[in-house]
Amino acid sequence: MKGFFSLIALLLSLAVVAFLVKKQITSTQPIAPSLQAPATHGAQGAASAPGQSPTQIQQQFKQALQDAMQQPRTVADEK
């Protein structure tokens, strides 16, 4: 009897998780196409140029990330 209730509880929790995952996936699908950044003339002006391909933008992002990772961190003196 204890095993039966454990199985029912497991199946019920699986159903709840499946429902929440399905709800999360369906709520994010319409939003995904509108995630493109608007073309601005500020700091992202060069990255959002109409003549650049997504591959070039991705490479620029990777390069900027690598440059940021190479900079030494400043450590405050703890006394």
Protein backbone atom coordinates (compact mmCIF):
# COMPACT_ATOMS: atom_id res chain seq x y z
CA MET A 1 0.00 0.00 0.00
CA LYS A 2 2.86 2.35 0.82
CA GLY A 3 4.43 1.67 -2.60
CA PHE A 4 1.13 2.41 -4.33
CA PHE A 5 0.86 5.85 -2.71
CA SER A 6 4.51 6.56 -3.51
CA LEU A 7 3.86 5.73 -7.16
CA ILE A 8 0.77 7.95 -7.26
CA ALA A 9 2.73 10.83 -5.66
CA LEU A 10 5.55 10.38 -8.17
CA LEU A 11 3.17 10.41 -11.13
CA LEU A 12 1.33 13.44 -9.76
CA SER A 13 4.55 15.40 -9.30
CA LEU A 14 5.67 14.40 -12.80
CA ALA A 15 2.37 15.68 -14.21
CA VAL A 16 2.77 19.01 -12.39
CA VAL A 17 6.34 19.45 -13.66
CA ALA A 18 5.31 18.54 -17.22
CA PHE A 19 2.47 21.07 -17.07
CA LEU A 20 4.78 23.82 -15.83
CA VAL A 21 7.41 23.06 -18.48
CA LYS A 22 4.79 23.12 -21.23
CA LYS A 23 3.40 26.40 -19.92
CA GLN A 24 6.89 27.93 -19.77
CA ILE A 25 7.79 26.83 -23.30
CA THR A 26 4.56 28.10 -24.84
CA SER A 27 4.83 31.45 -23.07
CA THR A 28 8.33 32.11 -24.44
CA GLN A 29 7.77 31.14 -28.07
CA PRO A 30 5.95 34.32 -29.21
CA ILE A 31 8.53 36.49 -27.46
CA ALA A 32 11.58 34.96 -29.15
CA PRO A 33 11.26 36.66 -32.59
CA SER A 34 11.00 40.09 -30.98
CA LEU A 35 14.27 39.73 -29.06
CA GLN A 36 16.22 41.54 -31.76
CA ALA A 37 17.81 44.71 -30.44
CA PRO A 38 16.61 47.91 -32.05
CA ALA A 39 19.18 49.75 -34.12
CA THR A 40 20.64 52.50 -31.97
CA HIS A 41 23.37 55.01 -32.60
CA GLY A 42 24.81 54.72 -29.09
CA ALA A 43 27.38 52.23 -27.83
CA GLN A 44 25.95 49.47 -30.02
CA GLY A 45 26.02 51.50 -33.19
CA ALA A 46 28.83 49.51 -34.77
CA ALA A 47 27.42 46.14 -33.68
CA SER A 48 23.97 46.81 -35.08
CA ALA A 49 25.04 48.10 -38.47
CA PRO A 50 22.74 46.83 -41.22
CA GLY A 51 25.64 45.62 -43.39
CA GLN A 52 26.99 43.15 -40.81
CA SER A 53 26.03 39.54 -40.77
CA PRO A 54 25.00 37.76 -37.57
CA THR A 55 28.26 35.82 -37.72
CA GLN A 56 30.29 39.04 -37.69
CA ILE A 57 28.28 40.37 -34.76
CA GLN A 58 28.80 37.09 -32.90
CA GLN A 59 32.55 37.24 -33.53
CA GLN A 60 32.69 40.84 -32.29
CA PHE A 61 30.83 39.83 -29.15
CA LYS A 62 33.20 36.92 -28.53
CA GLN A 63 36.20 39.20 -29.03
CA ALA A 64 34.81 41.80 -26.63
CA LEU A 65 34.14 39.07 -24.08
CA GLN A 66 37.67 37.72 -24.41
CA ASP A 67 39.09 41.23 -24.00
CA ALA A 68 37.01 41.75 -20.87
CA MET A 69 38.15 38.42 -19.44
CA GLN A 70 41.82 39.34 -19.99
CA GLN A 71 41.63 42.53 -17.93
CA PRO A 72 42.96 42.09 -14.37
CA ARG A 73 40.51 42.46 -11.53
CA THR A 74 41.04 45.18 -8.97
CA VAL A 75 41.19 43.87 -5.42
CA ALA A 76 40.37 46.19 -2.55
CA ASP A 77 42.74 46.12 0.43
CA GLU A 78 41.13 44.37 3.38
CA LYS A 79 42.71 45.44 6.66
